[in-house]
Protein backbone atom coordinates (compact mmCIF):
# COMPACT_ATOMS: atom_id res chain seq x y z
CA UNK A 1 65.59 100.10 59.38
CA UNK A 2 67.76 100.67 62.46
CA UNK A 3 66.13 101.50 65.76
CA UNK A 4 66.00 105.10 66.98
CA UNK A 5 67.66 103.77 70.11
CA UNK A 6 70.74 102.76 68.11
CA UNK A 7 73.44 105.29 68.95
CA UNK A 8 74.88 104.94 65.44
CA UNK A 9 71.74 106.49 63.95
CA UNK A 10 70.88 109.39 66.20
CA UNK A 11 67.98 111.85 65.95
CA UNK A 12 70.64 114.50 65.43
CA UNK A 13 71.47 113.07 62.01
CA UNK A 14 67.84 112.59 61.04
CA UNK A 15 66.61 116.06 62.02
CA UNK A 16 69.73 117.84 60.79
CA UNK A 17 69.34 116.17 57.41
CA UNK A 18 65.74 117.38 57.23
CA UNK A 19 66.71 120.92 58.18
CA UNK A 20 69.55 121.00 55.65
CA UNK A 21 67.45 119.67 52.79
CA UNK A 22 64.58 122.08 53.44
CA UNK A 23 67.00 124.98 53.80
CA UNK A 24 68.78 124.24 50.50
CA UNK A 25 65.52 123.72 48.66
CA UNK A 26 64.12 126.99 49.95
CA UNK A 27 67.19 129.15 49.30
CA UNK A 28 66.19 130.24 45.80
CA UNK A 29 62.63 130.95 46.86
CA UNK A 30 63.83 133.02 49.80
CA UNK A 31 65.96 135.24 47.52
CA UNK A 32 63.05 135.74 45.12
CA UNK A 33 60.73 136.55 48.00
CA UNK A 34 63.23 139.10 49.33
CA UNK A 35 63.24 140.95 46.01
CA UNK A 36 59.45 141.02 45.77
CA UNK A 37 58.88 141.88 49.44
CA UNK A 38 55.67 139.86 49.46
CA UNK A 39 54.50 136.44 50.48
CA UNK A 40 51.40 134.28 50.77
CA UNK A 41 51.44 134.33 54.59
CA UNK A 42 50.94 137.91 55.75
CA UNK A 43 50.71 136.94 59.44
CA UNK A 44 52.51 134.34 61.52
CA UNK A 45 51.42 132.57 64.71
CA UNK A 46 54.51 132.60 66.91
CA UNK A 47 53.49 129.93 69.44
CA UNK A 48 55.33 126.98 67.88
CA UNK A 49 57.94 128.73 65.73
CA UNK A 50 60.80 128.13 68.16
CA UNK A 51 60.85 124.36 68.84
CA UNK A 52 60.71 123.51 72.55
CA UNK A 53 60.67 127.24 73.33
CA UNK A 54 57.14 128.66 73.06
CA UNK A 55 55.94 131.95 71.59
CA UNK A 56 53.27 134.22 73.10
CA UNK A 57 50.52 133.90 70.46
CA UNK A 58 47.37 131.97 71.39
CA UNK A 59 45.12 132.57 68.37
CA UNK A 60 42.10 134.82 67.95
CA UNK A 61 38.78 134.61 69.78
CA UNK A 62 36.71 131.62 68.65
CA UNK A 63 39.59 129.77 67.00
CA UNK A 64 39.88 125.98 67.43
CA UNK A 65 43.02 123.98 66.77
CA UNK A 66 43.78 120.27 66.90
CA UNK A 67 47.40 119.51 67.66
CA UNK A 68 49.42 116.31 67.62
CA UNK A 69 52.87 116.30 69.19
CA UNK A 70 55.57 113.78 70.03
CA UNK A 71 58.28 114.65 72.57
CA UNK A 72 61.00 112.01 72.68
CA UNK A 73 64.02 111.51 74.93
CA UNK A 74 66.83 109.24 73.76
CA UNK A 75 70.09 108.08 75.27
CA UNK A 76 71.47 107.49 78.76
CA UNK A 77 74.98 106.72 80.04
CA UNK A 78 74.63 103.06 79.06
CA UNK A 79 72.07 100.69 77.57
CA UNK A 80 69.25 101.58 75.21
CA UNK A 81 66.81 104.29 76.21
CA UNK A 82 63.79 105.66 74.32
CA UNK A 83 60.88 107.43 76.00
CA UNK A 84 58.22 109.28 74.01
CA UNK A 85 55.04 111.09 74.98
CA UNK A 86 52.54 111.38 72.13
CA UNK A 87 50.08 114.15 72.86
CA UNK A 88 46.72 114.99 71.29
CA UNK A 89 45.38 118.42 72.25
CA UNK A 90 42.25 120.44 71.46
CA UNK A 91 42.76 124.20 71.77
CA UNK A 92 39.90 126.67 72.09
CA UNK A 93 40.58 130.40 72.30
CA UNK A 94 37.61 131.73 74.29
CA UNK A 95 38.65 135.40 74.07
CA UNK A 96 41.49 137.25 72.39
CA UNK A 97 43.57 136.79 75.53
CA UNK A 98 42.41 133.48 77.07
CA UNK A 99 42.64 129.89 75.83
CA UNK A 100 41.80 126.48 77.27
CA UNK A 101 43.22 123.23 75.90
CA UNK A 102 42.44 119.72 77.20
CA UNK A 103 44.93 117.03 76.21
CA UNK A 104 45.69 113.32 76.46
CA UNK A 105 49.09 111.61 76.18
CA UNK A 106 50.13 108.13 75.05
CA UNK A 107 53.49 106.89 76.29
CA UNK A 108 55.93 104.70 74.40
CA UNK A 109 58.95 103.35 76.31
CA UNK A 110 61.68 101.04 75.02
CA UNK A 111 64.34 100.70 77.73
CA UNK A 112 66.91 97.98 78.29
CA UNK A 113 70.18 97.64 80.25
CA UNK A 114 70.02 101.19 81.60
CA UNK A 115 71.44 101.32 85.15
CA UNK A 116 68.80 102.24 87.71
CA UNK A 117 65.83 101.76 85.35
CA UNK A 118 63.92 98.51 84.88
CA UNK A 119 63.72 97.08 81.36
CA UNK A 120 60.41 97.82 79.67
CA UNK A 121 58.84 97.94 76.22
CA UNK A 122 55.27 99.20 76.19
CA UNK A 123 52.79 101.66 74.67
CA UNK A 124 49.59 102.93 76.25
CA UNK A 125 47.58 105.78 77.70
CA UNK A 126 49.93 107.72 79.96
CA UNK A 127 48.25 110.91 81.16
CA UNK A 128 45.63 113.59 80.66
CA UNK A 129 45.12 117.16 81.69
CA UNK A 130 44.18 120.69 80.74
CA UNK A 131 46.21 123.75 79.85
CA UNK A 132 45.20 127.37 80.41
CA UNK A 133 46.90 130.37 78.81
CA UNK A 134 46.39 134.08 79.37
CA UNK A 135 48.05 136.69 77.17
CA UNK A 136 48.97 139.85 79.05
CA UNK A 137 50.61 141.63 76.09
CA UNK A 138 49.90 141.17 72.40
CA UNK A 139 53.10 141.54 70.38
CA UNK A 140 51.07 143.12 67.55
CA UNK A 141 50.53 146.33 69.54
CA UNK A 142 53.07 146.09 72.39
CA UNK A 143 56.89 146.14 72.50
CA UNK A 144 56.81 142.35 73.02
CA UNK A 145 54.33 139.53 73.57
CA UNK A 146 53.84 138.13 77.07
CA UNK A 147 51.76 135.05 77.92
CA UNK A 148 51.32 133.07 81.15
CA UNK A 149 50.56 129.35 80.99
CA UNK A 150 49.37 126.78 83.53
CA UNK A 151 49.16 123.08 82.66
CA UNK A 152 47.62 120.63 85.16
CA UNK A 153 47.91 116.92 84.47
CA UNK A 154 47.54 113.49 86.08
CA UNK A 155 49.51 110.47 84.86
CA UNK A 156 49.23 106.72 85.38
CA UNK A 157 52.82 105.98 84.39
CA UNK A 158 56.16 107.62 85.10
CA UNK A 159 57.26 109.67 82.10
CA UNK A 160 60.94 108.82 82.44
CA UNK A 161 60.75 105.10 83.23
CA UNK A 162 57.41 103.91 81.86
CA UNK A 163 56.62 102.19 85.16
CA UNK A 164 53.19 102.40 86.78
CA UNK A 165 52.76 105.38 89.11
CA UNK A 166 50.27 108.00 90.17
CA UNK A 167 51.74 111.33 89.11
CA UNK A 168 50.27 114.80 89.61
CA UNK A 169 52.08 117.62 87.83
CA UNK A 170 51.84 121.37 87.33
CA UNK A 171 53.63 123.39 84.68
CA UNK A 172 53.89 127.16 85.11
CA UNK A 173 55.33 129.03 82.13
CA UNK A 174 56.01 132.59 81.05
CA UNK A 175 56.63 133.20 77.33
CA UNK A 176 58.04 136.43 75.88
CA UNK A 177 58.63 137.03 72.19
CA UNK A 178 59.30 139.82 69.74
CA UNK A 179 59.43 140.32 65.98
CA UNK A 180 63.00 141.60 65.63
CA UNK A 181 62.92 142.17 61.86
CA UNK A 182 59.48 142.60 60.31
CA UNK A 183 58.16 139.32 58.87
CA UNK A 184 61.64 137.79 59.00
CA UNK A 185 63.46 137.38 62.33
CA UNK A 186 61.70 136.39 65.57
CA UNK A 187 63.04 135.83 69.08
CA UNK A 188 61.59 134.27 72.25
CA UNK A 189 62.49 133.70 75.91
CA UNK A 190 60.76 131.21 78.27
CA UNK A 191 60.73 130.66 82.03
CA UNK A 192 59.26 127.39 83.35
CA UNK A 193 58.63 125.91 86.80
CA UNK A 194 57.23 122.35 86.82
CA UNK A 195 56.66 120.66 90.21
CA UNK A 196 55.33 117.09 90.47
CA UNK A 197 54.12 114.62 93.09
CA UNK A 198 54.36 110.91 92.26
CA UNK A 199 53.29 107.76 94.11
CA UNK A 200 55.18 104.61 93.19
CA UNK A 201 52.73 101.81 92.34
CA UNK A 202 54.88 99.03 93.83
CA UNK A 203 56.01 100.67 97.08
CA UNK A 204 53.27 103.24 97.69
CA UNK A 205 55.95 105.84 98.50
CA UNK A 206 55.30 109.45 97.49
CA UNK A 207 58.12 111.35 95.81
CA UNK A 208 58.32 115.06 95.05
CA UNK A 209 60.38 116.70 92.36
CA UNK A 210 60.61 119.80 90.21
CA UNK A 211 62.18 121.01 86.99
CA UNK A 212 63.01 124.62 86.18
CA UNK A 213 63.90 125.85 82.72
CA UNK A 214 65.13 129.03 81.04
CA UNK A 215 65.35 129.05 77.26
CA UNK A 216 66.03 131.45 74.41
CA UNK A 217 65.44 131.00 70.70
CA UNK A 218 65.75 132.76 67.35
CA UNK A 219 64.15 131.80 64.07
CA UNK A 220 64.54 133.34 60.62
CA UNK A 221 62.28 133.17 57.56
CA UNK A 222 64.22 131.42 54.80
CA UNK A 223 61.27 131.07 52.41
CA UNK A 224 57.59 131.88 52.25
CA UNK A 225 56.12 130.11 55.30
CA UNK A 226 59.40 128.36 56.23
CA UNK A 227 61.43 129.36 59.30
CA UNK A 228 64.81 127.94 60.33
CA UNK A 229 66.33 128.69 63.73
CA UNK A 230 67.97 127.47 66.88
CA UNK A 231 67.45 127.43 70.63
CA UNK A 232 69.39 127.02 73.87
CA UNK A 233 67.76 125.70 77.07
CA UNK A 234 69.06 125.44 80.64
CA UNK A 235 67.27 122.93 82.91
CA UNK A 236 67.71 122.18 86.63
CA UNK A 237 66.28 119.16 88.47
CA UNK A 238 65.33 119.15 92.16
CA UNK A 239 64.36 116.40 94.58
CA UNK A 240 61.56 118.50 96.10
CA UNK A 241 58.77 120.65 94.70
CA UNK A 242 60.10 123.61 96.68
CA UNK A 243 63.39 123.86 94.74
CA UNK A 244 65.58 122.40 97.46
CA UNK A 245 67.64 119.24 97.07
CA UNK A 246 69.47 120.09 93.83
CA UNK A 247 69.73 116.94 91.69
CA UNK A 248 71.47 118.09 88.52
CA UNK A 249 71.42 120.46 85.57
CA UNK A 250 71.80 120.35 81.81
CA UNK A 251 72.23 122.67 78.84
CA UNK A 252 70.48 121.67 75.60
CA UNK A 253 70.95 123.28 72.20
CA UNK A 254 69.89 122.51 68.67
CA UNK A 255 68.17 123.52 65.43
CA UNK A 256 64.48 124.14 64.83
CA UNK A 257 62.27 124.14 61.76
CA UNK A 258 58.78 125.64 61.42
CA UNK A 259 56.71 125.21 58.26
CA UNK A 260 53.35 126.83 57.46
CA UNK A 261 51.57 124.64 54.93
CA UNK A 262 48.68 127.12 54.97
CA UNK A 263 47.50 129.91 57.32
CA UNK A 264 45.81 127.20 59.45
CA UNK A 265 48.14 124.21 59.12
CA UNK A 266 51.73 124.05 60.35
CA UNK A 267 54.54 121.76 61.48
CA UNK A 268 57.39 122.04 64.01
CA UNK A 269 60.58 119.97 64.12
CA UNK A 270 63.21 120.42 66.82
CA UNK A 271 66.23 118.47 68.00
CA UNK A 272 68.17 119.37 71.17
CA UNK A 273 71.47 117.78 72.19
CA UNK A 274 72.70 117.93 75.78
CA UNK A 275 75.96 119.87 75.43
CA UNK A 276 76.78 120.45 79.11
CA UNK A 277 75.57 119.38 82.55
CA UNK A 278 76.28 117.35 85.65
CA UNK A 279 74.31 115.25 88.11
CA UNK A 280 74.74 116.26 91.74
CA UNK A 281 76.43 113.06 92.89
CA UNK A 282 78.56 112.46 89.80
CA UNK A 283 81.79 113.97 88.47
CA UNK A 284 81.22 112.85 84.91
CA UNK A 285 80.34 115.23 82.08
CA UNK A 286 76.61 115.63 81.31
CA UNK A 287 73.64 114.80 83.51
CA UNK A 288 72.30 111.58 82.06
CA UNK A 289 70.61 110.63 85.32
CA UNK A 290 67.90 113.29 85.32
CA UNK A 291 67.90 114.10 81.59
CA UNK A 292 68.43 112.42 78.24
CA UNK A 293 71.25 112.86 75.75
CA UNK A 294 68.83 113.85 72.96
CA UNK A 295 65.39 115.49 73.00
CA UNK A 296 63.28 115.59 69.83
CA UNK A 297 59.94 117.29 69.13
CA UNK A 298 57.71 116.61 66.13
CA UNK A 299 54.43 118.54 66.03
CA UNK A 300 51.53 119.16 63.63
CA UNK A 301 48.70 121.68 64.12
CA UNK A 302 45.45 122.17 62.20
CA UNK A 303 43.14 125.13 62.84
CA UNK A 304 39.45 125.62 62.16
């Protein structure tokens, strides 16, 4: 089997094939479900319906969920580049509007002949942290859902290069979503600010950086418990945590798939391709210095 790093077999082709096959298989069921107006899943948790874009739902009071997720970045200007963070998270919804979720990440990096990045091929514990979410508005009884998130983490390796480092990161997020057509069409908008402080293991030098992101997504029910959609994300990279020292920007877009196996078990697949962007000190199309060419998310969640 060819490597995921091989540009001839891209994640675009893999994920798109999955989305197409599921969509075609579900078409007949979706038409039958439309005529009946009923389905096995009377309620939908919107949090992971949209791919990289997040919905406002956090579960009900007392709910526990175990979640496994892999976020992968593939492709630079030259060479072979694959960087994946494999996350395991335990989510506990303490009240109807507050949730806490500790998590641990395992990094897998396979990088060779990429300018500016040392060759590496390793897998190991990368980081750990805790996420807090507070829901200000419940979309069930408000015009839209609104949830604030804060993720605090500490890493022992650099996410982008796989090299040893001491990295402290925050991730502030605001998620808005709305059910546009009852039990069929859903939309979401996200705003993210993610500053970080990293100490290089070899030099001892501290570096500061930040990423901001605005994203929008739509997803549509094509069958009972199956949602097919798409998202667009705009990211900006900075050389300081205070949003000065602009380093580059990128626009990502791609399809998403969300499948409910049962009311408490679900899966998310998403592939984003960088379709526009530019690094600050380059005139070439796309920013492949601060971002990857492809971003892929594969996620499974199981509730109790």
